[in-house]
PDB file of N, CA and C in Angstrom:
ATOM      1  N   MET A   1     -18.401  19.869  -8.874  1.00  0.00           N
ATOM      2  CA  MET A   1     -17.690  19.862  -7.611  1.00  0.00           C
ATOM      3  C   MET A   1     -18.474  20.734  -6.630  1.00  0.00           C
ATOM      4  N   SER A   2     -18.693  20.224  -5.453  1.00  0.00           N
ATOM      5  CA  SER A   2     -19.477  20.960  -4.464  1.00  0.00           C
ATOM      6  C   SER A   2     -18.654  22.109  -3.887  1.00  0.00           C
ATOM      7  N   THR A   3     -19.370  23.083  -3.317  1.00  0.00           N
ATOM      8  CA  THR A   3     -18.699  24.218  -2.684  1.00  0.00           C
ATOM      9  C   THR A   3     -17.825  23.745  -1.545  1.00  0.00           C
ATOM     10  N   GLU A   4     -18.331  22.762  -0.770  1.00  0.00           N
ATOM     11  CA  GLU A   4     -17.558  22.229   0.354  1.00  0.00           C
ATOM     12  C   GLU A   4     -16.260  21.597  -0.149  1.00  0.00           C
ATOM     13  N   GLN A   5     -16.337  20.847  -1.241  1.00  0.00           N
ATOM     14  CA  GLN A   5     -15.150  20.202  -1.792  1.00  0.00           C
ATOM     15  C   GLN A   5     -14.164  21.252  -2.318  1.00  0.00           C
ATOM     16  N   GLN A   6     -14.671  22.307  -2.954  1.00  0.00           N
ATOM     17  CA  GLN A   6     -13.806  23.370  -3.439  1.00  0.00           C
ATOM     18  C   GLN A   6     -13.089  24.042  -2.277  1.00  0.00           C
ATOM     19  N   THR A   7     -13.803  24.267  -1.171  1.00  0.00           N
ATOM     20  CA  THR A   7     -13.216  24.884   0.007  1.00  0.00           C
ATOM     21  C   THR A   7     -12.121  23.995   0.587  1.00  0.00           C
ATOM     22  N   VAL A   8     -12.400  22.698   0.666  1.00  0.00           N
ATOM     23  CA  VAL A   8     -11.404  21.765   1.180  1.00  0.00           C
ATOM     24  C   VAL A   8     -10.181  21.778   0.266  1.00  0.00           C
ATOM     25  N   ASP A   9     -10.389  21.735  -1.040  1.00  0.00           N
ATOM     26  CA  ASP A   9      -9.272  21.743  -1.974  1.00  0.00           C
ATOM     27  C   ASP A   9      -8.476  23.044  -1.857  1.00  0.00           C
ATOM     28  N   HIS A  10      -9.187  24.168  -1.733  1.00  0.00           N
ATOM     29  CA  HIS A  10      -8.515  25.456  -1.587  1.00  0.00           C
ATOM     30  C   HIS A  10      -7.695  25.479  -0.294  1.00  0.00           C
ATOM     31  N   GLY A  11      -8.273  24.970   0.778  1.00  0.00           N
ATOM     32  CA  GLY A  11      -7.562  24.898   2.054  1.00  0.00           C
ATOM     33  C   GLY A  11      -6.363  23.982   1.969  1.00  0.00           C
ATOM     34  N   ARG A  12      -6.532  22.856   1.287  1.00  0.00           N
ATOM     35  CA  ARG A  12      -5.420  21.908   1.124  1.00  0.00           C
ATOM     36  C   ARG A  12      -4.293  22.543   0.324  1.00  0.00           C
ATOM     37  N   LEU A  13      -4.647  23.293  -0.724  1.00  0.00           N
ATOM     38  CA  LEU A  13      -3.624  23.965  -1.523  1.00  0.00           C
ATOM     39  C   LEU A  13      -2.904  25.045  -0.710  1.00  0.00           C
ATOM     40  N   ALA A  14      -3.643  25.761   0.113  1.00  0.00           N
ATOM     41  CA  ALA A  14      -3.016  26.778   0.964  1.00  0.00           C
ATOM     42  C   ALA A  14      -2.037  26.133   1.933  1.00  0.00           C
ATOM     43  N   ASP A  15      -2.435  25.014   2.529  1.00  0.00           N
ATOM     44  CA  ASP A  15      -1.545  24.291   3.437  1.00  0.00           C
ATOM     45  C   ASP A  15      -0.316  23.775   2.693  1.00  0.00           C
ATOM     46  N   LEU A  16      -0.547  23.246   1.503  1.00  0.00           N
ATOM     47  CA  LEU A  16       0.551  22.721   0.696  1.00  0.00           C
ATOM     48  C   LEU A  16       1.503  23.844   0.311  1.00  0.00           C
ATOM     49  N   ARG A  17       0.960  24.988  -0.099  1.00  0.00           N
ATOM     50  CA  ARG A  17       1.792  26.131  -0.468  1.00  0.00           C
ATOM     51  C   ARG A  17       2.671  26.545   0.719  1.00  0.00           C
ATOM     52  N   ALA A  18       2.085  26.602   1.912  1.00  0.00           N
ATOM     53  CA  ALA A  18       2.845  26.973   3.108  1.00  0.00           C
ATOM     54  C   ALA A  18       3.941  25.950   3.392  1.00  0.00           C
ATOM     55  N   SER A  19       3.611  24.683   3.281  1.00  0.00           N
ATOM     56  CA  SER A  19       4.583  23.620   3.524  1.00  0.00           C
ATOM     57  C   SER A  19       5.726  23.671   2.505  1.00  0.00           C
ATOM     58  N   LEU A  20       5.374  23.847   1.233  1.00  0.00           N
ATOM     59  CA  LEU A  20       6.390  23.919   0.185  1.00  0.00           C
ATOM     60  C   LEU A  20       7.265  25.159   0.353  1.00  0.00           C
ATOM     61  N   THR A  21       6.669  26.257   0.776  1.00  0.00           N
ATOM     62  CA  THR A  21       7.432  27.481   1.011  1.00  0.00           C
ATOM     63  C   THR A  21       8.440  27.271   2.138  1.00  0.00           C
ATOM     64  N   ASP A  22       8.017  26.581   3.193  1.00  0.00           N
ATOM     65  CA  ASP A  22       8.940  26.243   4.288  1.00  0.00           C
ATOM     66  C   ASP A  22      10.058  25.334   3.796  1.00  0.00           C
ATOM     67  N   ASP A  23       9.687  24.325   3.001  1.00  0.00           N
ATOM     68  CA  ASP A  23      10.687  23.401   2.454  1.00  0.00           C
ATOM     69  C   ASP A  23      11.689  24.155   1.571  1.00  0.00           C
ATOM     70  N   PHE A  24      11.165  25.102   0.784  1.00  0.00           N
ATOM     71  CA  PHE A  24      12.023  25.899  -0.093  1.00  0.00           C
ATOM     72  C   PHE A  24      13.049  26.675   0.733  1.00  0.00           C
ATOM     73  N   ALA A  25      12.588  27.308   1.811  1.00  0.00           N
ATOM     74  CA  ALA A  25      13.491  28.074   2.681  1.00  0.00           C
ATOM     75  C   ALA A  25      14.546  27.160   3.304  1.00  0.00           C
ATOM     76  N   THR A  26      14.125  25.988   3.744  1.00  0.00           N
ATOM     77  CA  THR A  26      15.052  25.025   4.349  1.00  0.00           C
ATOM     78  C   THR A  26      16.101  24.579   3.343  1.00  0.00           C
ATOM     79  N   GLN A  27      15.665  24.221   2.138  1.00  0.00           N
ATOM     80  CA  GLN A  27      16.593  23.749   1.109  1.00  0.00           C
ATOM     81  C   GLN A  27      17.523  24.864   0.631  1.00  0.00           C
ATOM     82  N   THR A  28      17.002  26.091   0.565  1.00  0.00           N
ATOM     83  CA  THR A  28      17.837  27.223   0.163  1.00  0.00           C
ATOM     84  C   THR A  28      18.926  27.472   1.200  1.00  0.00           C
ATOM     85  N   ALA A  29      18.570  27.392   2.476  1.00  0.00           N
ATOM     86  CA  ALA A  29      19.564  27.550   3.542  1.00  0.00           C
ATOM     87  C   ALA A  29      20.593  26.423   3.472  1.00  0.00           C
ATOM     88  N   ARG A  30      20.132  25.208   3.192  1.00  0.00           N
ATOM     89  CA  ARG A  30      21.045  24.070   3.075  1.00  0.00           C
ATOM     90  C   ARG A  30      22.007  24.274   1.907  1.00  0.00           C
ATOM     91  N   LEU A  31      21.481  24.761   0.775  1.00  0.00           N
ATOM     92  CA  LEU A  31      22.327  25.008  -0.393  1.00  0.00           C
ATOM     93  C   LEU A  31      23.373  26.077  -0.070  1.00  0.00           C
ATOM     94  N   ARG A  32      22.953  27.127   0.590  1.00  0.00           N
ATOM     95  CA  ARG A  32      23.882  28.199   0.968  1.00  0.00           C
ATOM     96  C   ARG A  32      24.987  27.637   1.868  1.00  0.00           C
ATOM     97  N   GLU A  33      24.591  26.818   2.822  1.00  0.00           N
ATOM     98  CA  GLU A  33      25.560  26.221   3.746  1.00  0.00           C
ATOM     99  C   GLU A  33      26.545  25.320   2.995  1.00  0.00           C
ATOM    100  N   LEU A  34      26.032  24.521   2.072  1.00  0.00           N
ATOM    101  CA  LEU A  34      26.894  23.613   1.320  1.00  0.00           C
ATOM    102  C   LEU A  34      27.846  24.363   0.397  1.00  0.00           C
ATOM    103  N   THR A  35      27.388  25.445  -0.206  1.00  0.00           N
ATOM    104  CA  THR A  35      28.256  26.182  -1.122  1.00  0.00           C
ATOM    105  C   THR A  35      29.278  27.029  -0.379  1.00  0.00           C
ATOM    106  N   GLU A  36      28.936  27.453   0.837  1.00  0.00           N
ATOM    107  CA  GLU A  36      29.878  28.244   1.631  1.00  0.00           C
ATOM    108  C   GLU A  36      30.920  27.358   2.296  1.00  0.00           C
ATOM    109  N   LEU A  37      30.653  26.092   2.385  1.00  0.00           N
ATOM    110  CA  LEU A  37      31.557  25.149   3.024  1.00  0.00           C
ATOM    111  C   LEU A  37      32.638  24.762   2.018  1.00  0.00           C
ATOM    112  N   ASN A  38      33.685  25.531   1.977  1.00  0.00           N
ATOM    113  CA  ASN A  38      34.737  25.319   0.979  1.00  0.00           C
ATOM    114  C   ASN A  38      35.959  24.612   1.539  1.00  0.00           C
ATOM    115  N   ALA A  39      35.828  24.036   2.699  1.00  0.00           N
ATOM    116  CA  ALA A  39      36.973  23.361   3.313  1.00  0.00           C
ATOM    117  C   ALA A  39      37.330  22.114   2.509  1.00  0.00           C
ATOM    118  N   ASP A  40      38.409  22.197   1.772  1.00  0.00           N
ATOM    119  CA  ASP A  40      38.873  21.055   0.994  1.00  0.00           C
ATOM    120  C   ASP A  40      39.784  20.221   1.876  1.00  0.00           C
ATOM    121  N   THR A  41      39.299  19.069   2.244  1.00  0.00           N
ATOM    122  CA  THR A  41      40.075  18.198   3.128  1.00  0.00           C
ATOM    123  C   THR A  41      41.043  17.319   2.346  1.00  0.00           C
ATOM    124  N   GLY A  42      40.948  17.364   1.031  1.00  0.00           N
ATOM    125  CA  GLY A  42      41.794  16.512   0.219  1.00  0.00           C
ATOM    126  C   GLY A  42      41.236  15.110   0.061  1.00  0.00           C
ATOM    127  N   ASP A  43      40.106  14.857   0.694  1.00  0.00           N
ATOM    128  CA  ASP A  43      39.462  13.550   0.613  1.00  0.00           C
ATOM    129  C   ASP A  43      38.503  13.539  -0.579  1.00  0.00           C
ATOM    130  N   PRO A  44      38.836  12.788  -1.631  1.00  0.00           N
ATOM    131  CA  PRO A  44      37.972  12.771  -2.820  1.00  0.00           C
ATOM    132  C   PRO A  44      36.572  12.233  -2.515  1.00  0.00           C
ATOM    133  N   GLY A  45      36.459  11.351  -1.550  1.00  0.00           N
ATOM    134  CA  GLY A  45      35.151  10.815  -1.169  1.00  0.00           C
ATOM    135  C   GLY A  45      34.262  11.900  -0.590  1.00  0.00           C
ATOM    136  N   GLU A  46      34.860  12.746   0.243  1.00  0.00           N
ATOM    137  CA  GLU A  46      34.097  13.846   0.843  1.00  0.00           C
ATOM    138  C   GLU A  46      33.674  14.862  -0.223  1.00  0.00           C
ATOM    139  N   ALA A  47      34.562  15.149  -1.149  1.00  0.00           N
ATOM    140  CA  ALA A  47      34.228  16.079  -2.239  1.00  0.00           C
ATOM    141  C   ALA A  47      33.098  15.504  -3.085  1.00  0.00           C
ATOM    142  N   HIS A  48      33.146  14.211  -3.326  1.00  0.00           N
ATOM    143  CA  HIS A  48      32.103  13.545  -4.109  1.00  0.00           C
ATOM    144  C   HIS A  48      30.767  13.614  -3.369  1.00  0.00           C
ATOM    145  N   ASN A  49      30.791  13.357  -2.060  1.00  0.00           N
ATOM    146  CA  ASN A  49      29.566  13.430  -1.253  1.00  0.00           C
ATOM    147  C   ASN A  49      28.993  14.837  -1.260  1.00  0.00           C
ATOM    148  N   ARG A  50      29.837  15.846  -1.118  1.00  0.00           N
ATOM    149  CA  ARG A  50      29.379  17.230  -1.124  1.00  0.00           C
ATOM    150  C   ARG A  50      28.761  17.576  -2.479  1.00  0.00           C
ATOM    151  N   ALA A  51      29.388  17.122  -3.555  1.00  0.00           N
ATOM    152  CA  ALA A  51      28.841  17.380  -4.894  1.00  0.00           C
ATOM    153  C   ALA A  51      27.466  16.722  -5.049  1.00  0.00           C
ATOM    154  N   GLY A  52      27.317  15.526  -4.511  1.00  0.00           N
ATOM    155  CA  GLY A  52      26.027  14.838  -4.561  1.00  0.00           C
ATOM    156  C   GLY A  52      24.962  15.564  -3.759  1.00  0.00           C
ATOM    157  N   LEU A  53      25.340  16.054  -2.569  1.00  0.00           N
ATOM    158  CA  LEU A  53      24.403  16.816  -1.745  1.00  0.00           C
ATOM    159  C   LEU A  53      23.997  18.120  -2.432  1.00  0.00           C
ATOM    160  N   LEU A  54      24.948  18.783  -3.060  1.00  0.00           N
ATOM    161  CA  LEU A  54      24.634  20.016  -3.796  1.00  0.00           C
ATOM    162  C   LEU A  54      23.648  19.740  -4.926  1.00  0.00           C
ATOM    163  N   ALA A  55      23.911  18.694  -5.693  1.00  0.00           N
ATOM    164  CA  ALA A  55      23.028  18.355  -6.812  1.00  0.00           C
ATOM    165  C   ALA A  55      21.626  18.001  -6.321  1.00  0.00           C
ATOM    166  N   ALA A  56      21.543  17.201  -5.262  1.00  0.00           N
ATOM    167  CA  ALA A  56      20.243  16.800  -4.725  1.00  0.00           C
ATOM    168  C   ALA A  56      19.482  18.004  -4.175  1.00  0.00           C
ATOM    169  N   THR A  57      20.188  18.909  -3.512  1.00  0.00           N
ATOM    170  CA  THR A  57      19.549  20.096  -2.954  1.00  0.00           C
ATOM    171  C   THR A  57      19.047  21.009  -4.065  1.00  0.00           C
ATOM    172  N   ARG A  58      19.847  21.200  -5.094  1.00  0.00           N
ATOM    173  CA  ARG A  58      19.408  22.026  -6.234  1.00  0.00           C
ATOM    174  C   ARG A  58      18.182  21.408  -6.910  1.00  0.00           C
ATOM    175  N   ARG A  59      18.189  20.092  -7.071  1.00  0.00           N
ATOM    176  CA  ARG A  59      17.058  19.397  -7.686  1.00  0.00           C
ATOM    177  C   ARG A  59      15.798  19.568  -6.826  1.00  0.00           C
ATOM    178  N   SER A  60      15.961  19.469  -5.519  1.00  0.00           N
ATOM    179  CA  SER A  60      14.836  19.640  -4.608  1.00  0.00           C
ATOM    180  C   SER A  60      14.263  21.054  -4.708  1.00  0.00           C
ATOM    181  N   ILE A  61      15.132  22.053  -4.754  1.00  0.00           N
ATOM    182  CA  ILE A  61      14.683  23.443  -4.886  1.00  0.00           C
ATOM    183  C   ILE A  61      13.936  23.638  -6.205  1.00  0.00           C
ATOM    184  N   GLU A  62      14.458  23.043  -7.266  1.00  0.00           N
ATOM    185  CA  GLU A  62      13.806  23.141  -8.574  1.00  0.00           C
ATOM    186  C   GLU A  62      12.413  22.502  -8.545  1.00  0.00           C
ATOM    187  N   GLN A  63      12.300  21.341  -7.917  1.00  0.00           N
ATOM    188  CA  GLN A  63      11.009  20.653  -7.834  1.00  0.00           C
ATOM    189  C   GLN A  63      10.015  21.448  -6.998  1.00  0.00           C
ATOM    190  N   ILE A  64      10.464  21.982  -5.878  1.00  0.00           N
ATOM    191  CA  ILE A  64       9.592  22.777  -5.017  1.00  0.00           C
ATOM    192  C   ILE A  64       9.144  24.034  -5.747  1.00  0.00           C
ATOM    193  N   SER A  65      10.081  24.694  -6.413  1.00  0.00           N
ATOM    194  CA  SER A  65       9.740  25.907  -7.172  1.00  0.00           C
ATOM    195  C   SER A  65       8.707  25.611  -8.247  1.00  0.00           C
ATOM    196  N   GLY A  66       8.873  24.497  -8.925  1.00  0.00           N
ATOM    197  CA  GLY A  66       7.919  24.101  -9.961  1.00  0.00           C
ATOM    198  C   GLY A  66       6.535  23.862  -9.400  1.00  0.00           C
ATOM    199  N   ALA A  67       6.459  23.193  -8.253  1.00  0.00           N
ATOM    200  CA  ALA A  67       5.162  22.937  -7.618  1.00  0.00           C
ATOM    201  C   ALA A  67       4.515  24.249  -7.199  1.00  0.00           C
ATOM    202  N   LEU A  68       5.296  25.165  -6.619  1.00  0.00           N
ATOM    203  CA  LEU A  68       4.753  26.465  -6.213  1.00  0.00           C
ATOM    204  C   LEU A  68       4.260  27.260  -7.429  1.00  0.00           C
ATOM    205  N   ARG A  69       5.002  27.185  -8.527  1.00  0.00           N
ATOM    206  CA  ARG A  69       4.586  27.875  -9.759  1.00  0.00           C
ATOM    207  C   ARG A  69       3.279  27.299 -10.281  1.00  0.00           C
ATOM    208  N   ARG A  70       3.161  25.955 -10.285  1.00  0.00           N
ATOM    209  CA  ARG A  70       1.934  25.328 -10.778  1.00  0.00           C
ATOM    210  C   ARG A  70       0.741  25.682  -9.892  1.00  0.00           C
ATOM    211  N   ILE A  71       0.964  25.788  -8.575  1.00  0.00           N
ATOM    212  CA  ILE A  71      -0.115  26.203  -7.676  1.00  0.00           C
ATOM    213  C   ILE A  71      -0.553  27.617  -8.044  1.00  0.00           C
ATOM    214  N   ALA A  72       0.411  28.518  -8.211  1.00  0.00           N
ATOM    215  CA  ALA A  72       0.107  29.914  -8.533  1.00  0.00           C
ATOM    216  C   ALA A  72      -0.625  30.046  -9.869  1.00  0.00           C
ATOM    217  N   GLU A  73      -0.272  29.198 -10.824  1.00  0.00           N
ATOM    218  CA  GLU A  73      -0.885  29.245 -12.157  1.00  0.00           C
ATOM    219  C   GLU A  73      -2.208  28.496 -12.236  1.00  0.00           C
ATOM    220  N   GLY A  74      -2.549  27.764 -11.168  1.00  0.00           N
ATOM    221  CA  GLY A  74      -3.778  26.979 -11.174  1.00  0.00           C
ATOM    222  C   GLY A  74      -3.648  25.663 -11.921  1.00  0.00           C
ATOM    223  N   ALA A  75      -2.422  25.245 -12.191  1.00  0.00           N
ATOM    224  CA  ALA A  75      -2.186  24.012 -12.940  1.00  0.00           C
ATOM    225  C   ALA A  75      -1.751  22.860 -12.045  1.00  0.00           C
ATOM    226  N   TYR A  76      -1.681  23.090 -10.731  1.00  0.00           N
ATOM    227  CA  TYR A  76      -1.202  22.051  -9.826  1.00  0.00           C
ATOM    228  C   TYR A  76      -2.153  20.866  -9.828  1.00  0.00           C
ATOM    229  N   GLY A  77      -1.583  19.674  -9.895  1.00  0.00           N
ATOM    230  CA  GLY A  77      -2.377  18.452  -9.833  1.00  0.00           C
ATOM    231  C   GLY A  77      -2.793  17.927 -11.192  1.00  0.00           C
ATOM    232  N   ALA A  78      -2.441  18.627 -12.259  1.00  0.00           N
ATOM    233  CA  ALA A  78      -2.741  18.154 -13.613  1.00  0.00           C
ATOM    234  C   ALA A  78      -1.451  17.629 -14.238  1.00  0.00           C
ATOM    235  N   CYS A  79      -1.531  16.470 -14.861  1.00  0.00           N
ATOM    236  CA  CYS A  79      -0.376  15.873 -15.521  1.00  0.00           C
ATOM    237  C   CYS A  79       0.086  16.780 -16.656  1.00  0.00           C
ATOM    238  N   GLU A  80       1.382  17.038 -16.723  1.00  0.00           N
ATOM    239  CA  GLU A  80       1.921  17.902 -17.763  1.00  0.00           C
ATOM    240  C   GLU A  80       1.923  17.241 -19.140  1.00  0.00           C
ATOM    241  N   LYS A  81       1.757  15.927 -19.193  1.00  0.00           N
ATOM    242  CA  LYS A  81       1.731  15.222 -20.478  1.00  0.00           C
ATOM    243  C   LYS A  81       0.309  15.056 -21.009  1.00  0.00           C
ATOM    244  N   CYS A  82      -0.571  14.453 -20.202  1.00  0.00           N
ATOM    245  CA  CYS A  82      -1.911  14.099 -20.688  1.00  0.00           C
ATOM    246  C   CYS A  82      -3.001  15.027 -20.154  1.00  0.00           C
ATOM    247  N   ASP A  83      -2.642  15.904 -19.219  1.00  0.00           N
ATOM    248  CA  ASP A  83      -3.556  16.883 -18.630  1.00  0.00           C
ATOM    249  C   ASP A  83      -4.636  16.267 -17.743  1.00  0.00           C
ATOM    250  N   ARG A  84      -4.529  14.968 -17.449  1.00  0.00           N
ATOM    251  CA  ARG A  84      -5.467  14.340 -16.517  1.00  0.00           C
ATOM    252  C   ARG A  84      -5.053  14.687 -15.094  1.00  0.00           C
ATOM    253  N   ALA A  85      -6.000  14.549 -14.181  1.00  0.00           N
ATOM    254  CA  ALA A  85      -5.708  14.821 -12.775  1.00  0.00           C
ATOM    255  C   ALA A  85      -4.754  13.767 -12.224  1.00  0.00           C
ATOM    256  N   ILE A  86      -3.761  14.231 -11.498  1.00  0.00           N
ATOM    257  CA  ILE A  86      -2.854  13.332 -10.790  1.00  0.00           C
ATOM    258  C   ILE A  86      -3.573  12.936  -9.504  1.00  0.00           C
ATOM    259  N   PRO A  87      -3.662  11.651  -9.200  1.00  0.00           N
ATOM    260  CA  PRO A  87      -4.372  11.231  -7.984  1.00  0.00           C
ATOM    261  C   PRO A  87      -3.836  11.921  -6.727  1.00  0.00           C
ATOM    262  N   VAL A  88      -4.756  12.296  -5.856  1.00  0.00           N
ATOM    263  CA  VAL A  88      -4.415  12.982  -4.610  1.00  0.00           C
ATOM    264  C   VAL A  88      -3.411  12.171  -3.800  1.00  0.00           C
ATOM    265  N   GLU A  89      -3.570  10.859  -3.806  1.00  0.00           N
ATOM    266  CA  GLU A  89      -2.656   9.994  -3.045  1.00  0.00           C
ATOM    267  C   GLU A  89      -1.215  10.162  -3.539  1.00  0.00           C
ATOM    268  N   ARG A  90      -1.041  10.273  -4.838  1.00  0.00           N
ATOM    269  CA  ARG A  90       0.300  10.476  -5.404  1.00  0.00           C
ATOM    270  C   ARG A  90       0.850  11.831  -4.981  1.00  0.00           C
ATOM    271  N   LEU A  91      -0.003  12.860  -5.022  1.00  0.00           N
ATOM    272  CA  LEU A  91       0.438  14.197  -4.653  1.00  0.00           C
ATOM    273  C   LEU A  91       0.752  14.303  -3.163  1.00  0.00           C
ATOM    274  N   GLU A  92       0.064  13.513  -2.341  1.00  0.00           N
ATOM    275  CA  GLU A  92       0.366  13.517  -0.908  1.00  0.00           C
ATOM    276  C   GLU A  92       1.755  12.951  -0.645  1.00  0.00           C
ATOM    277  N   VAL A  93       2.124  11.931  -1.409  1.00  0.00           N
ATOM    278  CA  VAL A  93       3.435  11.296  -1.247  1.00  0.00           C
ATOM    279  C   VAL A  93       4.526  12.098  -1.956  1.00  0.00           C
ATOM    280  N   LEU A  94       4.183  12.641  -3.112  1.00  0.00           N
ATOM    281  CA  LEU A  94       5.139  13.341  -3.965  1.00  0.00           C
ATOM    282  C   LEU A  94       4.530  14.680  -4.392  1.00  0.00           C
ATOM    283  N   PRO A  95       4.530  15.676  -3.502  1.00  0.00           N
ATOM    284  CA  PRO A  95       3.806  16.923  -3.788  1.00  0.00           C
ATOM    285  C   PRO A  95       4.308  17.695  -5.001  1.00  0.00           C
ATOM    286  N   HIS A  96       5.498  17.387  -5.464  1.00  0.00           N
ATOM    287  CA  HIS A  96       6.017  18.083  -6.646  1.00  0.00           C
ATOM    288  C   HIS A  96       5.808  17.281  -7.939  1.00  0.00           C
ATOM    289  N   ALA A  97       4.992  16.212  -7.877  1.00  0.00           N
ATOM    290  CA  ALA A  97       4.764  15.364  -9.056  1.00  0.00           C
ATOM    291  C   ALA A  97       4.242  16.193 -10.218  1.00  0.00           C
ATOM    292  N   ARG A  98       4.843  15.995 -11.383  1.00  0.00           N
ATOM    293  CA  ARG A  98       4.430  16.703 -12.600  1.00  0.00           C
ATOM    294  C   ARG A  98       3.622  15.811 -13.522  1.00  0.00           C
ATOM    295  N   PHE A  99       3.716  14.507 -13.322  1.00  0.00           N
ATOM    296  CA  PHE A  99       3.076  13.555 -14.224  1.00  0.00           C
ATOM    297  C   PHE A  99       2.264  12.530 -13.445  1.00  0.00           C
ATOM    298  N   CYS A 100       1.219  12.005 -14.073  1.00  0.00           N
ATOM    299  CA  CYS A 100       0.504  10.866 -13.509  1.00  0.00           C
ATOM    300  C   CYS A 100       1.425   9.648 -13.648  1.00  0.00           C
ATOM    301  N   VAL A 101       1.105   8.559 -12.989  1.00  0.00           N
ATOM    302  CA  VAL A 101       1.993   7.387 -12.999  1.00  0.00           C
ATOM    303  C   VAL A 101       2.217   6.849 -14.416  1.00  0.00           C
ATOM    304  N   PRO A 102       1.158   6.652 -15.245  1.00  0.00           N
ATOM    305  CA  PRO A 102       1.423   6.121 -16.592  1.00  0.00           C
ATOM    306  C   PRO A 102       2.351   7.036 -17.417  1.00  0.00           C
ATOM    307  N   CYS A 103       2.150   8.333 -17.340  1.00  0.00           N
ATOM    308  CA  CYS A 103       3.006   9.251 -18.100  1.00  0.00           C
ATOM    309  C   CYS A 103       4.411   9.297 -17.509  1.00  0.00           C
ATOM    310  N   GLN A 104       4.542   9.201 -16.191  1.00  0.00           N
ATOM    311  CA  GLN A 104       5.859   9.183 -15.554  1.00  0.00           C
ATOM    312  C   GLN A 104       6.646   7.961 -16.020  1.00  0.00           C
ATOM    313  N   GLU A 105       5.942   6.811 -16.108  1.00  0.00           N
ATOM    314  CA  GLU A 105       6.619   5.601 -16.563  1.00  0.00           C
ATOM    315  C   GLU A 105       7.087   5.734 -18.006  1.00  0.00           C
ATOM    316  N   LYS A 106       6.308   6.403 -18.852  1.00  0.00           N
ATOM    317  CA  LYS A 106       6.702   6.629 -20.239  1.00  0.00           C
ATOM    318  C   LYS A 106       7.810   7.672 -20.340  1.00  0.00           C
ATOM    319  N   HIS A 107       7.731   8.701 -19.481  1.00  0.00           N
ATOM    320  CA  HIS A 107       8.679   9.808 -19.495  1.00  0.00           C
ATOM    321  C   HIS A 107      10.044   9.376 -19.007  1.00  0.00           C
ATOM    322  N   GLY A 108      10.035   8.432 -18.069  1.00  0.00           N
ATOM    323  CA  GLY A 108      11.271   7.850 -17.600  1.00  0.00           C
ATOM    324  C   GLY A 108      11.812   8.531 -16.416  1.00  0.00           C
TER     325      GLY A 108
END
């Protein structure tokens, strides 16, 4: 790998880390807002929607945290199953991806 490519990758990771950190702060604020919102309207549909939003927000925070941890450990971009590089295109679309596409399909 050339020095220029390493620099670009390092810069890309720094940008990604900053973006993920911002996303983490946003999702954490959203989770706080959702958990503090205890107004029970008696509408089971609304309670169901709130529960879904809470679950999705927690999952998002978990995924972001995992990506930030992998960046810090130097393991970001490597498939957790086969250890092959996850294509950059996949990581651009799904920055918290833990698996390459073939392993993701097997993992379910």
